[in-house]
Amino acid sequence: MKEATGELNMTVVTVVAIAALVAIFYAFIWPIIQANMALTSACSSAGQNGYTTTLDNGATVICGEGKCTITNAKGLGVNNMEKTCD
């Protein structure tokens, strides 16, 4: 019986650890990935012309002079992010 209890405790610890890692990913890493994807898409849409768009979450993407900037992206967890377009 003690072995079964020990295995259950280890399973609970493993599940909690995985849940913590997933929460950290979605809270900190995923918003940066989303903002980077939005900037990459804006760079490809802008070409040589200026480009401005507003995303669904209220963030503004402005492109011009070879770079794109995303502002007010609080829904993405990023305040300002800039990317140089190739």
C-alpha atoms as a PDB file:
ATOM      1  CA  MET A   1       0.000   0.000   0.000  1.00  0.00           C
ATOM      2  CA  LYS A   2       2.884   2.374   0.744  1.00  0.00           C
ATOM      3  CA  GLU A   3       4.255   1.834  -2.764  1.00  0.00           C
ATOM      4  CA  ALA A   4       0.931   2.804  -4.331  1.00  0.00           C
ATOM      5  CA  THR A   5       0.757   5.959  -2.219  1.00  0.00           C
ATOM      6  CA  GLY A   6       4.303   6.889  -3.228  1.00  0.00           C
ATOM      7  CA  GLU A   7       3.528   6.412  -6.900  1.00  0.00           C
ATOM      8  CA  LEU A   8       0.384   8.520  -6.572  1.00  0.00           C
ATOM      9  CA  ASN A   9       2.338  11.312  -4.888  1.00  0.00           C
ATOM     10  CA  MET A  10       4.936  11.244  -7.660  1.00  0.00           C
ATOM     11  CA  THR A  11       2.193  11.363 -10.289  1.00  0.00           C
ATOM     12  CA  VAL A  12       0.628  14.393  -8.603  1.00  0.00           C
ATOM     13  CA  VAL A  13       4.020  16.131  -8.412  1.00  0.00           C
ATOM     14  CA  THR A  14       4.629  15.418 -12.112  1.00  0.00           C
ATOM     15  CA  VAL A  15       1.192  16.717 -13.152  1.00  0.00           C
ATOM     16  CA  VAL A  16       1.636  19.885 -11.080  1.00  0.00           C
ATOM     17  CA  ALA A  17       5.116  20.475 -12.534  1.00  0.00           C
ATOM     18  CA  ILE A  18       3.844  20.067 -16.101  1.00  0.00           C
ATOM     19  CA  ALA A  19       0.913  22.409 -15.395  1.00  0.00           C
ATOM     20  CA  ALA A  20       3.346  25.023 -14.020  1.00  0.00           C
ATOM     21  CA  LEU A  21       5.525  24.791 -17.136  1.00  0.00           C
ATOM     22  CA  VAL A  22       2.502  25.147 -19.418  1.00  0.00           C
ATOM     23  CA  ALA A  23       1.287  28.172 -17.440  1.00  0.00           C
ATOM     24  CA  ILE A  24       4.700  29.849 -17.716  1.00  0.00           C
ATOM     25  CA  PHE A  25       4.780  29.146 -21.459  1.00  0.00           C
ATOM     26  CA  TYR A  26       1.344  30.657 -22.085  1.00  0.00           C
ATOM     27  CA  ALA A  27       1.916  33.627 -19.774  1.00  0.00           C
ATOM     28  CA  PHE A  28       5.363  34.708 -20.963  1.00  0.00           C
ATOM     29  CA  ILE A  29       6.605  32.929 -24.084  1.00  0.00           C
ATOM     30  CA  TRP A  30       3.480  32.535 -26.241  1.00  0.00           C
ATOM     31  CA  PRO A  31       2.658  36.293 -26.318  1.00  0.00           C
ATOM     32  CA  ILE A  32       6.139  37.052 -27.635  1.00  0.00           C
ATOM     33  CA  ILE A  33       5.752  34.386 -30.320  1.00  0.00           C
ATOM     34  CA  GLN A  34       2.369  35.862 -31.345  1.00  0.00           C
ATOM     35  CA  ALA A  35       3.786  39.393 -31.534  1.00  0.00           C
ATOM     36  CA  ASN A  36       6.722  38.166 -33.612  1.00  0.00           C
ATOM     37  CA  MET A  37       4.358  36.368 -36.011  1.00  0.00           C
ATOM     38  CA  ALA A  38       2.283  39.549 -36.359  1.00  0.00           C
ATOM     39  CA  LEU A  39       5.415  41.573 -37.141  1.00  0.00           C
ATOM     40  CA  THR A  40       6.636  39.015 -39.670  1.00  0.00           C
ATOM     41  CA  SER A  41       3.262  39.047 -41.404  1.00  0.00           C
ATOM     42  CA  ALA A  42       3.224  42.844 -41.436  1.00  0.00           C
ATOM     43  CA  CYS A  43       6.738  42.968 -42.907  1.00  0.00           C
ATOM     44  CA  SER A  44       5.734  40.679 -45.747  1.00  0.00           C
ATOM     45  CA  SER A  45       2.544  42.695 -46.372  1.00  0.00           C
ATOM     46  CA  ALA A  46       4.271  46.060 -46.284  1.00  0.00           C
ATOM     47  CA  GLY A  47       6.854  45.496 -49.009  1.00  0.00           C
ATOM     48  CA  GLN A  48       8.450  48.856 -49.828  1.00  0.00           C
ATOM     49  CA  ASN A  49       5.360  50.881 -48.891  1.00  0.00           C
ATOM     50  CA  GLY A  50       4.240  52.090 -45.516  1.00  0.00           C
ATOM     51  CA  TYR A  51       1.732  49.840 -43.781  1.00  0.00           C
ATOM     52  CA  THR A  52      -0.473  50.282 -40.725  1.00  0.00           C
ATOM     53  CA  THR A  53      -2.989  47.844 -39.300  1.00  0.00           C
ATOM     54  CA  THR A  54      -4.827  47.180 -36.063  1.00  0.00           C
ATOM     55  CA  LEU A  55      -4.984  43.621 -34.779  1.00  0.00           C
ATOM     56  CA  ASP A  56      -8.036  42.013 -33.179  1.00  0.00           C
ATOM     57  CA  ASN A  57      -6.644  42.573 -29.689  1.00  0.00           C
ATOM     58  CA  GLY A  58      -6.209  46.328 -30.228  1.00  0.00           C
ATOM     59  CA  ALA A  59      -2.491  46.278 -30.964  1.00  0.00           C
ATOM     60  CA  THR A  60      -1.249  48.573 -33.730  1.00  0.00           C
ATOM     61  CA  VAL A  61       1.349  47.475 -36.282  1.00  0.00           C
ATOM     62  CA  ILE A  62       3.142  50.268 -38.163  1.00  0.00           C
ATOM     63  CA  CYS A  63       5.666  49.549 -40.916  1.00  0.00           C
ATOM     64  CA  GLY A  64       7.894  51.940 -42.774  1.00  0.00           C
ATOM     65  CA  GLU A  65      11.525  52.555 -43.679  1.00  0.00           C
ATOM     66  CA  GLY A  66      12.421  48.871 -43.451  1.00  0.00           C
ATOM     67  CA  LYS A  67      11.085  48.159 -39.983  1.00  0.00           C
ATOM     68  CA  CYS A  68       7.795  47.245 -38.330  1.00  0.00           C
ATOM     69  CA  THR A  69       6.755  48.162 -34.806  1.00  0.00           C
ATOM     70  CA  ILE A  70       3.926  46.711 -32.746  1.00  0.00           C
ATOM     71  CA  THR A  71       2.505  48.967 -30.008  1.00  0.00           C
ATOM     72  CA  ASN A  72      -0.268  48.708 -27.437  1.00  0.00           C
ATOM     73  CA  ALA A  73      -0.060  44.932 -27.568  1.00  0.00           C
ATOM     74  CA  LYS A  74      -1.095  44.450 -23.975  1.00  0.00           C
ATOM     75  CA  GLY A  75      -3.351  41.615 -25.111  1.00  0.00           C
ATOM     76  CA  LEU A  76      -0.187  39.891 -26.270  1.00  0.00           C
ATOM     77  CA  GLY A  77       1.714  40.765 -23.117  1.00  0.00           C
ATOM     78  CA  VAL A  78       4.120  42.962 -25.084  1.00  0.00           C
ATOM     79  CA  ASN A  79       4.055  46.754 -24.877  1.00  0.00           C
ATOM     80  CA  ASN A  80       6.360  47.586 -27.782  1.00  0.00           C
ATOM     81  CA  MET A  81       8.290  45.332 -30.112  1.00  0.00           C
ATOM     82  CA  GLU A  82      10.234  46.183 -33.250  1.00  0.00           C
ATOM     83  CA  LYS A  83      11.450  44.073 -36.154  1.00  0.00           C
ATOM     84  CA  THR A  84      13.679  45.001 -39.080  1.00  0.00           C
ATOM     85  CA  CYS A  85      12.166  43.838 -42.365  1.00  0.00           C
ATOM     86  CA  ASP A  86      14.427  42.184 -44.919  1.00  0.00           C
END
